[in-house]
Amino acid sequence: MKQLFYLILLALSTTATAHHEAGIAEDYQASAALLLMMLVFLIGSITITVQSYLNKPAGK
């Protein structure tokens, strides 16, 4: 649960940074920020899944 909180916090901060510093037209700025946020969620969920798989006890 703690990892999910940090993932959401990372995605929100990444979105804010992308929205603030995107060098593209304003029409596409929100779309780029949304795509970047979804990419961060995807990478984070894959990381959490792999980490939980690797940390599983040997007996299970």
N, C-alpha and C. Protein backbone atom coordinates (compact mmCIF):
# COMPACT_ATOMS: atom_id res chain seq x y z
N MET A 1 0.83 -1.19 0.00
CA MET A 1 0.00 0.00 0.00
C MET A 1 0.87 1.26 0.00
N LYS A 2 1.99 1.18 0.74
CA LYS A 2 2.91 2.31 0.78
C LYS A 2 3.50 2.57 -0.61
N GLN A 3 3.79 1.49 -1.34
CA GLN A 3 4.35 1.63 -2.68
C GLN A 3 3.34 2.29 -3.62
N LEU A 4 2.08 1.95 -3.49
CA LEU A 4 1.05 2.55 -4.33
C LEU A 4 0.93 4.05 -4.06
N PHE A 5 1.02 4.43 -2.80
CA PHE A 5 0.99 5.85 -2.44
C PHE A 5 2.15 6.60 -3.09
N TYR A 6 3.34 6.03 -3.00
CA TYR A 6 4.51 6.67 -3.61
C TYR A 6 4.39 6.71 -5.12
N LEU A 7 3.79 5.69 -5.72
CA LEU A 7 3.59 5.67 -7.16
C LEU A 7 2.65 6.79 -7.60
N ILE A 8 1.56 6.97 -6.87
CA ILE A 8 0.61 8.04 -7.18
C ILE A 8 1.26 9.40 -7.00
N LEU A 9 2.04 9.55 -5.92
CA LEU A 9 2.74 10.80 -5.68
C LEU A 9 3.74 11.11 -6.80
N LEU A 10 4.46 10.08 -7.25
CA LEU A 10 5.42 10.25 -8.34
C LEU A 10 4.71 10.64 -9.63
N ALA A 11 3.58 9.98 -9.91
CA ALA A 11 2.84 10.28 -11.13
C ALA A 11 2.30 11.71 -11.12
N LEU A 12 1.80 12.14 -9.98
CA LEU A 12 1.27 13.51 -9.89
C LEU A 12 2.38 14.54 -10.05
N SER A 13 3.52 14.30 -9.42
CA SER A 13 4.62 15.26 -9.55
C SER A 13 5.18 15.26 -10.96
N THR A 14 5.23 14.09 -11.60
CA THR A 14 5.70 14.02 -12.98
C THR A 14 4.74 14.75 -13.91
N THR A 15 3.45 14.58 -13.67
CA THR A 15 2.46 15.27 -14.49
C THR A 15 2.57 16.78 -14.33
N ALA A 16 2.74 17.23 -13.10
CA ALA A 16 2.87 18.67 -12.86
C ALA A 16 4.12 19.21 -13.55
N THR A 17 5.22 18.47 -13.48
CA THR A 17 6.45 18.90 -14.13
C THR A 17 6.29 18.92 -15.64
N ALA A 18 5.68 17.89 -16.18
CA ALA A 18 5.49 17.83 -17.63
C ALA A 18 4.55 18.94 -18.10
N HIS A 19 3.53 19.21 -17.32
CA HIS A 19 2.58 20.26 -17.69
C HIS A 19 3.26 21.63 -17.66
N HIS A 20 4.15 21.80 -16.70
CA HIS A 20 4.81 23.09 -16.54
C HIS A 20 5.90 23.31 -17.59
N GLU A 21 6.64 22.25 -17.92
CA GLU A 21 7.82 22.42 -18.75
C GLU A 21 7.68 21.86 -20.16
N ALA A 22 6.50 21.47 -20.56
CA ALA A 22 6.34 20.93 -21.91
C ALA A 22 6.62 22.02 -22.93
N GLY A 23 7.41 21.67 -23.93
CA GLY A 23 7.79 22.66 -24.92
C GLY A 23 6.93 22.60 -26.16
N ILE A 24 5.73 22.06 -26.05
CA ILE A 24 4.85 21.92 -27.21
C ILE A 24 3.69 22.89 -27.10
N ALA A 25 2.88 22.95 -28.11
CA ALA A 25 1.75 23.88 -28.13
C ALA A 25 0.81 23.59 -26.97
N GLU A 26 0.11 24.61 -26.52
CA GLU A 26 -0.77 24.46 -25.35
C GLU A 26 -1.91 23.49 -25.60
N ASP A 27 -2.34 23.35 -26.84
CA ASP A 27 -3.43 22.42 -27.14
C ASP A 27 -3.04 20.98 -26.81
N TYR A 28 -1.77 20.66 -27.00
CA TYR A 28 -1.32 19.28 -26.80
C TYR A 28 -0.65 19.09 -25.45
N GLN A 29 -0.54 20.14 -24.67
CA GLN A 29 0.19 20.06 -23.41
C GLN A 29 -0.50 19.12 -22.42
N ALA A 30 -1.81 19.22 -22.28
CA ALA A 30 -2.53 18.36 -21.36
C ALA A 30 -2.47 16.91 -21.81
N SER A 31 -2.53 16.68 -23.11
CA SER A 31 -2.45 15.31 -23.63
C SER A 31 -1.08 14.70 -23.34
N ALA A 32 -0.04 15.48 -23.52
CA ALA A 32 1.31 14.99 -23.26
C ALA A 32 1.49 14.68 -21.78
N ALA A 33 0.95 15.53 -20.91
CA ALA A 33 1.05 15.30 -19.48
C ALA A 33 0.27 14.05 -19.08
N LEU A 34 -0.89 13.86 -19.67
CA LEU A 34 -1.69 12.67 -19.36
C LEU A 34 -0.99 11.40 -19.83
N LEU A 35 -0.42 11.44 -21.03
CA LEU A 35 0.31 10.28 -21.53
C LEU A 35 1.52 9.97 -20.67
N LEU A 36 2.22 11.00 -20.23
CA LEU A 36 3.37 10.80 -19.36
C LEU A 36 2.95 10.20 -18.03
N MET A 37 1.83 10.66 -17.49
CA MET A 37 1.33 10.12 -16.23
C MET A 37 0.96 8.65 -16.39
N MET A 38 0.30 8.30 -17.50
CA MET A 38 -0.06 6.91 -17.73
C MET A 38 1.18 6.04 -17.89
N LEU A 39 2.22 6.57 -18.53
CA LEU A 39 3.46 5.83 -18.68
C LEU A 39 4.12 5.58 -17.33
N VAL A 40 4.09 6.59 -16.45
CA VAL A 40 4.66 6.42 -15.11
C VAL A 40 3.87 5.37 -14.33
N PHE A 41 2.53 5.39 -14.43
CA PHE A 41 1.71 4.38 -13.77
C PHE A 41 2.03 2.99 -14.30
N LEU A 42 2.19 2.86 -15.62
CA LEU A 42 2.48 1.57 -16.22
C LEU A 42 3.82 1.04 -15.74
N ILE A 43 4.85 1.86 -15.80
CA ILE A 43 6.18 1.44 -15.36
C ILE A 43 6.17 1.11 -13.87
N GLY A 44 5.49 1.93 -13.08
CA GLY A 44 5.42 1.69 -11.64
C GLY A 44 4.68 0.41 -11.30
N SER A 45 3.57 0.14 -11.98
CA SER A 45 2.83 -1.08 -11.69
C SER A 45 3.60 -2.32 -12.12
N ILE A 46 4.32 -2.23 -13.23
CA ILE A 46 5.16 -3.36 -13.65
C ILE A 46 6.28 -3.57 -12.63
N THR A 47 6.87 -2.48 -12.15
CA THR A 47 7.94 -2.59 -11.15
C THR A 47 7.43 -3.22 -9.86
N ILE A 48 6.26 -2.79 -9.39
CA ILE A 48 5.69 -3.35 -8.17
C ILE A 48 5.36 -4.82 -8.36
N THR A 49 4.82 -5.19 -9.52
CA THR A 49 4.48 -6.59 -9.79
C THR A 49 5.72 -7.46 -9.80
N VAL A 50 6.76 -7.02 -10.49
CA VAL A 50 8.01 -7.80 -10.55
C VAL A 50 8.65 -7.88 -9.18
N GLN A 51 8.62 -6.78 -8.44
CA GLN A 51 9.22 -6.77 -7.12
C GLN A 51 8.48 -7.71 -6.17
N SER A 52 7.16 -7.73 -6.22
CA SER A 52 6.41 -8.63 -5.35
C SER A 52 6.61 -10.08 -5.78
N TYR A 53 6.79 -10.32 -7.08
CA TYR A 53 7.05 -11.68 -7.56
C TYR A 53 8.42 -12.16 -7.09
N LEU A 54 9.42 -11.30 -7.15
CA LEU A 54 10.77 -11.68 -6.75
C LEU A 54 10.91 -11.81 -5.24
N ASN A 55 10.09 -11.11 -4.48
CA ASN A 55 10.19 -11.15 -3.02
C ASN A 55 9.29 -12.21 -2.39
N LYS A 56 8.66 -13.05 -3.24
CA LYS A 56 7.80 -14.10 -2.72
C LYS A 56 8.63 -15.13 -1.96
N PRO A 57 8.12 -15.64 -0.84
CA PRO A 57 8.84 -16.72 -0.14
C PRO A 57 8.99 -17.95 -1.03
N ALA A 58 10.06 -18.69 -0.81
CA ALA A 58 10.37 -19.83 -1.68
C ALA A 58 9.32 -20.93 -1.60
N GLY A 59 8.62 -21.05 -0.48
CA GLY A 59 7.65 -22.13 -0.30
C GLY A 59 6.33 -21.91 -1.01
N LYS A 60 6.07 -20.73 -1.50
CA LYS A 60 4.75 -20.44 -2.08
C LYS A 60 4.76 -20.45 -3.56
